[in-house]
């Protein structure tokens, strides 16, 4: 088996274009790039929340992971919105429980959560 490394970095405009394509692989690549690179935390968080509601499990999984990246990079999320959304996606896709748990760990470790 050979592995192909793909640089997840892309501009905000390129990520937006790929999201609009509605092609699964493009959306996933854009979500990963946004999680790792986007400077506008609010826009990124709102984008991830939108894709958490996707009917495609791999897209929802990418949005979950990207939220963890965002928490790590920015140290802040709107947890009053994000935490219930993560709980909802676990019910929609029970197989993503581990991904949600990992992201919740990132949120706990890197953000200022007020409960």
N, C-alpha and C. Protein backbone atom coordinates (compact mmCIF):
# COMPACT_ATOMS: atom_id res chain seq x y z
N UNK A 1 0.84 -1.16 0.00
CA UNK A 1 0.00 0.00 0.00
C UNK A 1 0.89 1.23 0.00
N UNK A 2 0.53 2.21 -0.80
CA UNK A 2 1.27 3.46 -0.80
C UNK A 2 0.36 4.56 -0.25
N UNK A 3 0.97 5.45 0.50
CA UNK A 3 0.23 6.57 1.07
C UNK A 3 0.58 7.82 0.28
N UNK A 4 -0.41 8.65 0.08
CA UNK A 4 -0.23 9.91 -0.62
C UNK A 4 -0.54 11.04 0.33
N UNK A 5 0.48 11.85 0.63
CA UNK A 5 0.28 12.98 1.51
C UNK A 5 -0.35 14.12 0.73
N UNK A 6 -1.39 14.70 1.30
CA UNK A 6 -2.01 15.87 0.69
C UNK A 6 -1.96 17.00 1.71
N UNK A 7 -1.43 18.13 1.29
CA UNK A 7 -1.35 19.30 2.15
C UNK A 7 -2.77 19.84 2.36
N UNK A 8 -3.22 19.91 3.61
CA UNK A 8 -4.59 20.35 3.86
C UNK A 8 -4.76 21.86 3.81
N UNK A 9 -3.71 22.60 3.50
CA UNK A 9 -3.79 24.05 3.50
C UNK A 9 -4.41 24.57 2.21
N UNK A 10 -5.40 25.44 2.37
CA UNK A 10 -5.98 26.14 1.22
C UNK A 10 -6.52 27.47 1.72
N UNK A 11 -6.72 28.37 0.80
CA UNK A 11 -7.22 29.69 1.17
C UNK A 11 -8.69 29.58 1.60
N UNK A 12 -9.15 30.62 2.26
CA UNK A 12 -10.56 30.70 2.66
C UNK A 12 -11.46 30.59 1.43
N UNK A 13 -11.10 31.31 0.37
CA UNK A 13 -11.91 31.29 -0.85
C UNK A 13 -11.94 29.91 -1.50
N UNK A 14 -10.80 29.22 -1.51
CA UNK A 14 -10.76 27.87 -2.08
C UNK A 14 -11.60 26.91 -1.24
N UNK A 15 -11.50 27.02 0.08
CA UNK A 15 -12.30 26.16 0.95
C UNK A 15 -13.79 26.42 0.73
N UNK A 16 -14.16 27.67 0.61
CA UNK A 16 -15.57 28.02 0.37
C UNK A 16 -16.04 27.44 -0.96
N UNK A 17 -15.19 27.51 -1.97
CA UNK A 17 -15.54 26.95 -3.29
C UNK A 17 -15.74 25.44 -3.21
N UNK A 18 -14.85 24.76 -2.48
CA UNK A 18 -14.97 23.31 -2.36
C UNK A 18 -16.22 22.92 -1.55
N UNK A 19 -16.53 23.68 -0.53
CA UNK A 19 -17.76 23.40 0.23
C UNK A 19 -18.98 23.52 -0.67
N UNK A 20 -19.00 24.53 -1.51
CA UNK A 20 -20.14 24.78 -2.40
C UNK A 20 -20.28 23.72 -3.48
N UNK A 21 -19.22 22.96 -3.74
CA UNK A 21 -19.27 21.94 -4.79
C UNK A 21 -20.19 20.77 -4.41
N UNK A 22 -20.40 20.58 -3.11
CA UNK A 22 -21.20 19.45 -2.60
C UNK A 22 -20.65 18.08 -2.98
N UNK A 23 -19.39 18.03 -3.38
CA UNK A 23 -18.72 16.76 -3.66
C UNK A 23 -18.08 16.31 -2.34
N UNK A 24 -18.42 15.12 -1.90
CA UNK A 24 -18.01 14.64 -0.58
C UNK A 24 -16.53 14.83 -0.30
N UNK A 25 -15.67 14.39 -1.20
CA UNK A 25 -14.23 14.50 -0.95
C UNK A 25 -13.78 15.96 -0.88
N UNK A 26 -14.41 16.82 -1.68
CA UNK A 26 -14.08 18.25 -1.64
C UNK A 26 -14.51 18.87 -0.32
N UNK A 27 -15.70 18.54 0.13
CA UNK A 27 -16.22 19.08 1.39
C UNK A 27 -15.33 18.64 2.55
N UNK A 28 -14.96 17.38 2.57
CA UNK A 28 -14.08 16.86 3.63
C UNK A 28 -12.74 17.60 3.62
N UNK A 29 -12.14 17.76 2.45
CA UNK A 29 -10.86 18.47 2.35
C UNK A 29 -11.00 19.91 2.83
N UNK A 30 -12.09 20.56 2.47
CA UNK A 30 -12.30 21.94 2.89
C UNK A 30 -12.47 22.03 4.40
N UNK A 31 -13.24 21.11 4.99
CA UNK A 31 -13.44 21.13 6.45
C UNK A 31 -12.12 20.94 7.20
N UNK A 32 -11.31 20.02 6.73
CA UNK A 32 -10.01 19.79 7.37
C UNK A 32 -9.15 21.05 7.27
N UNK A 33 -9.10 21.65 6.09
CA UNK A 33 -8.31 22.86 5.92
C UNK A 33 -8.82 23.99 6.81
N UNK A 34 -10.11 24.16 6.87
CA UNK A 34 -10.68 25.22 7.71
C UNK A 34 -10.30 24.98 9.17
N UNK A 35 -10.42 23.76 9.63
CA UNK A 35 -10.06 23.44 11.02
C UNK A 35 -8.61 23.73 11.34
N UNK A 36 -7.74 23.51 10.37
CA UNK A 36 -6.30 23.68 10.60
C UNK A 36 -5.77 25.07 10.27
N UNK A 37 -6.53 25.85 9.49
CA UNK A 37 -5.96 27.09 8.96
C UNK A 37 -6.80 28.35 9.09
N UNK A 38 -8.09 28.23 9.17
CA UNK A 38 -8.96 29.41 9.12
C UNK A 38 -8.72 30.34 10.30
N UNK A 39 -8.62 31.63 10.01
CA UNK A 39 -8.41 32.62 11.06
C UNK A 39 -9.72 33.15 11.65
N UNK A 40 -10.80 33.08 10.90
CA UNK A 40 -12.10 33.56 11.37
C UNK A 40 -12.80 32.44 12.14
N UNK A 41 -12.60 32.44 13.45
CA UNK A 41 -13.11 31.37 14.30
C UNK A 41 -14.62 31.25 14.23
N UNK A 42 -15.31 32.36 14.25
CA UNK A 42 -16.78 32.33 14.26
C UNK A 42 -17.31 31.73 12.96
N UNK A 43 -16.76 32.17 11.83
CA UNK A 43 -17.19 31.62 10.56
C UNK A 43 -16.91 30.11 10.50
N UNK A 44 -15.72 29.73 10.94
CA UNK A 44 -15.35 28.31 10.91
C UNK A 44 -16.30 27.50 11.79
N UNK A 45 -16.54 27.97 13.00
CA UNK A 45 -17.43 27.24 13.91
C UNK A 45 -18.82 27.09 13.29
N UNK A 46 -19.35 28.16 12.72
CA UNK A 46 -20.67 28.10 12.11
C UNK A 46 -20.69 27.15 10.91
N UNK A 47 -19.61 27.12 10.18
CA UNK A 47 -19.51 26.18 9.05
C UNK A 47 -19.53 24.74 9.55
N UNK A 48 -18.76 24.47 10.60
CA UNK A 48 -18.73 23.11 11.14
C UNK A 48 -20.08 22.70 11.69
N UNK A 49 -20.76 23.61 12.36
CA UNK A 49 -22.09 23.30 12.89
C UNK A 49 -23.04 22.92 11.76
N UNK A 50 -22.95 23.62 10.65
CA UNK A 50 -23.79 23.29 9.49
C UNK A 50 -23.52 21.86 9.01
N UNK A 51 -22.24 21.50 8.92
CA UNK A 51 -21.89 20.19 8.39
C UNK A 51 -22.02 19.06 9.41
N UNK A 52 -22.16 19.39 10.69
CA UNK A 52 -22.49 18.36 11.68
C UNK A 52 -23.86 17.76 11.37
N UNK A 53 -24.71 18.54 10.74
CA UNK A 53 -26.06 18.08 10.40
C UNK A 53 -26.13 17.33 9.07
N UNK A 54 -24.99 17.09 8.45
CA UNK A 54 -24.95 16.40 7.17
C UNK A 54 -25.55 15.00 7.29
N UNK A 55 -26.13 14.55 6.21
CA UNK A 55 -26.64 13.18 6.13
C UNK A 55 -25.53 12.19 5.79
N UNK A 56 -24.34 12.71 5.49
CA UNK A 56 -23.20 11.87 5.14
C UNK A 56 -22.28 11.75 6.35
N UNK A 57 -22.11 10.53 6.82
CA UNK A 57 -21.34 10.29 8.04
C UNK A 57 -19.91 10.81 7.96
N UNK A 58 -19.25 10.60 6.83
CA UNK A 58 -17.85 11.04 6.71
C UNK A 58 -17.73 12.56 6.75
N UNK A 59 -18.71 13.26 6.25
CA UNK A 59 -18.70 14.72 6.31
C UNK A 59 -18.93 15.17 7.75
N UNK A 60 -19.90 14.57 8.43
CA UNK A 60 -20.13 14.90 9.84
C UNK A 60 -18.89 14.60 10.67
N UNK A 61 -18.24 13.48 10.41
CA UNK A 61 -17.01 13.12 11.15
C UNK A 61 -15.92 14.16 10.93
N UNK A 62 -15.78 14.63 9.71
CA UNK A 62 -14.77 15.65 9.42
C UNK A 62 -15.09 16.96 10.13
N UNK A 63 -16.36 17.33 10.19
CA UNK A 63 -16.76 18.56 10.90
C UNK A 63 -16.48 18.43 12.39
N UNK A 64 -16.71 17.26 12.94
CA UNK A 64 -16.43 17.01 14.36
C UNK A 64 -14.93 17.19 14.64
N UNK A 65 -14.11 16.53 13.85
CA UNK A 65 -12.66 16.61 14.03
C UNK A 65 -12.17 18.04 13.83
N UNK A 66 -12.72 18.72 12.85
CA UNK A 66 -12.31 20.10 12.58
C UNK A 66 -12.65 21.01 13.76
N UNK A 67 -13.75 20.75 14.45
CA UNK A 67 -14.08 21.52 15.66
C UNK A 67 -12.99 21.35 16.72
N UNK A 68 -12.47 20.14 16.85
CA UNK A 68 -11.38 19.91 17.78
C UNK A 68 -10.14 20.68 17.41
N UNK A 69 -9.82 20.74 16.11
CA UNK A 69 -8.68 21.52 15.64
C UNK A 69 -8.89 23.01 15.96
N UNK A 70 -10.11 23.48 15.72
CA UNK A 70 -10.43 24.88 15.97
C UNK A 70 -10.27 25.22 17.45
N UNK A 71 -10.74 24.33 18.32
CA UNK A 71 -10.60 24.55 19.76
C UNK A 71 -9.13 24.62 20.14
N UNK A 72 -8.34 23.72 19.59
CA UNK A 72 -6.91 23.70 19.89
C UNK A 72 -6.21 24.96 19.41
N UNK A 73 -6.55 25.40 18.22
CA UNK A 73 -5.88 26.56 17.63
C UNK A 73 -6.32 27.90 18.22
N UNK A 74 -7.60 28.03 18.51
CA UNK A 74 -8.13 29.32 18.94
C UNK A 74 -8.40 29.41 20.45
N UNK A 75 -8.53 28.26 21.12
CA UNK A 75 -8.75 28.28 22.56
C UNK A 75 -10.10 28.79 22.98
N UNK A 76 -11.03 28.83 22.03
CA UNK A 76 -12.35 29.37 22.34
C UNK A 76 -13.36 28.83 21.34
N UNK A 77 -14.50 28.40 21.86
CA UNK A 77 -15.64 28.00 21.04
C UNK A 77 -16.90 28.44 21.78
N UNK A 78 -17.99 28.57 21.05
CA UNK A 78 -19.27 28.84 21.68
C UNK A 78 -19.82 27.50 22.16
N UNK A 79 -19.39 27.09 23.33
CA UNK A 79 -19.73 25.75 23.82
C UNK A 79 -21.22 25.58 24.10
N UNK A 80 -21.93 26.67 24.31
CA UNK A 80 -23.38 26.57 24.53
C UNK A 80 -24.10 26.06 23.28
N UNK A 81 -23.48 26.27 22.14
CA UNK A 81 -24.03 25.78 20.87
C UNK A 81 -23.34 24.50 20.43
N UNK A 82 -22.03 24.46 20.58
CA UNK A 82 -21.23 23.34 20.07
C UNK A 82 -21.51 22.04 20.83
N UNK A 83 -21.56 22.10 22.14
CA UNK A 83 -21.72 20.86 22.92
C UNK A 83 -23.04 20.16 22.63
N UNK A 84 -24.18 20.87 22.59
CA UNK A 84 -25.43 20.17 22.22
C UNK A 84 -25.40 19.63 20.79
N UNK A 85 -24.74 20.34 19.88
CA UNK A 85 -24.65 19.86 18.49
C UNK A 85 -23.84 18.56 18.42
N UNK A 86 -22.79 18.48 19.21
CA UNK A 86 -21.99 17.25 19.24
C UNK A 86 -22.80 16.09 19.83
N UNK A 87 -23.57 16.37 20.85
CA UNK A 87 -24.42 15.33 21.42
C UNK A 87 -25.45 14.84 20.39
N UNK A 88 -26.01 15.76 19.63
CA UNK A 88 -27.00 15.39 18.60
C UNK A 88 -26.41 14.49 17.53
N UNK A 89 -25.19 14.80 17.11
CA UNK A 89 -24.60 14.00 16.05
C UNK A 89 -24.30 12.58 16.53
N UNK A 90 -24.04 12.42 17.83
CA UNK A 90 -23.81 11.06 18.37
C UNK A 90 -25.07 10.21 18.24
N UNK A 91 -26.22 10.83 18.39
CA UNK A 91 -27.48 10.07 18.25
C UNK A 91 -27.78 9.75 16.80
N UNK A 92 -27.41 10.65 15.92
CA UNK A 92 -27.64 10.44 14.49
C UNK A 92 -26.71 9.36 13.94
N UNK A 93 -25.43 9.42 14.36
CA UNK A 93 -24.42 8.47 13.91
C UNK A 93 -23.72 7.89 15.13
N UNK A 94 -24.29 6.86 15.75
CA UNK A 94 -23.68 6.28 16.95
C UNK A 94 -22.23 5.83 16.73
N UNK A 95 -21.89 5.48 15.52
CA UNK A 95 -20.52 5.03 15.24
C UNK A 95 -19.50 6.16 15.40
N UNK A 96 -19.95 7.40 15.48
CA UNK A 96 -19.04 8.54 15.63
C UNK A 96 -18.81 8.91 17.09
N UNK A 97 -19.27 8.09 18.00
CA UNK A 97 -19.12 8.38 19.43
C UNK A 97 -17.66 8.62 19.81
N UNK A 98 -16.76 7.81 19.30
CA UNK A 98 -15.34 7.96 19.61
C UNK A 98 -14.76 9.26 19.08
N UNK A 99 -15.17 9.65 17.88
CA UNK A 99 -14.71 10.91 17.28
C UNK A 99 -15.22 12.09 18.12
N UNK A 100 -16.49 12.00 18.52
CA UNK A 100 -17.06 13.06 19.37
C UNK A 100 -16.32 13.12 20.69
N UNK A 101 -16.05 11.98 21.29
CA UNK A 101 -15.32 11.94 22.56
C UNK A 101 -13.95 12.59 22.43
N UNK A 102 -13.23 12.28 21.35
CA UNK A 102 -11.91 12.89 21.12
C UNK A 102 -12.02 14.41 21.00
N UNK A 103 -13.04 14.87 20.29
CA UNK A 103 -13.22 16.32 20.13
C UNK A 103 -13.62 16.97 21.44
N UNK A 104 -14.46 16.31 22.22
CA UNK A 104 -14.80 16.85 23.54
C UNK A 104 -13.57 16.94 24.42
N UNK A 105 -12.68 15.97 24.32
CA UNK A 105 -11.42 16.04 25.06
C UNK A 105 -10.59 17.25 24.64
N UNK A 106 -10.54 17.52 23.33
CA UNK A 106 -9.82 18.70 22.83
C UNK A 106 -10.46 19.98 23.35
N UNK A 107 -11.77 20.02 23.32
CA UNK A 107 -12.48 21.20 23.81
C UNK A 107 -12.19 21.41 25.29
N UNK A 108 -12.25 20.34 26.07
CA UNK A 108 -11.94 20.44 27.51
C UNK A 108 -10.50 20.90 27.75
N UNK A 109 -9.57 20.39 26.95
CA UNK A 109 -8.16 20.69 27.17
C UNK A 109 -7.77 22.10 26.71
N UNK A 110 -8.41 22.59 25.66
CA UNK A 110 -7.90 23.80 25.03
C UNK A 110 -8.80 25.03 25.11
N UNK A 111 -10.01 24.88 25.62
CA UNK A 111 -10.90 26.03 25.68
C UNK A 111 -11.30 26.35 27.12
N UNK A 112 -11.82 27.52 27.26
CA UNK A 112 -12.33 27.96 28.55
C UNK A 112 -13.82 27.64 28.60
N UNK A 113 -14.15 26.48 29.14
CA UNK A 113 -15.55 26.05 29.19
C UNK A 113 -16.17 26.55 30.48
N UNK A 114 -17.31 27.20 30.34
CA UNK A 114 -18.07 27.62 31.50
C UNK A 114 -19.32 26.74 31.53
N UNK A 115 -19.42 25.93 32.56
CA UNK A 115 -20.58 25.01 32.66
C UNK A 115 -21.46 25.43 33.80
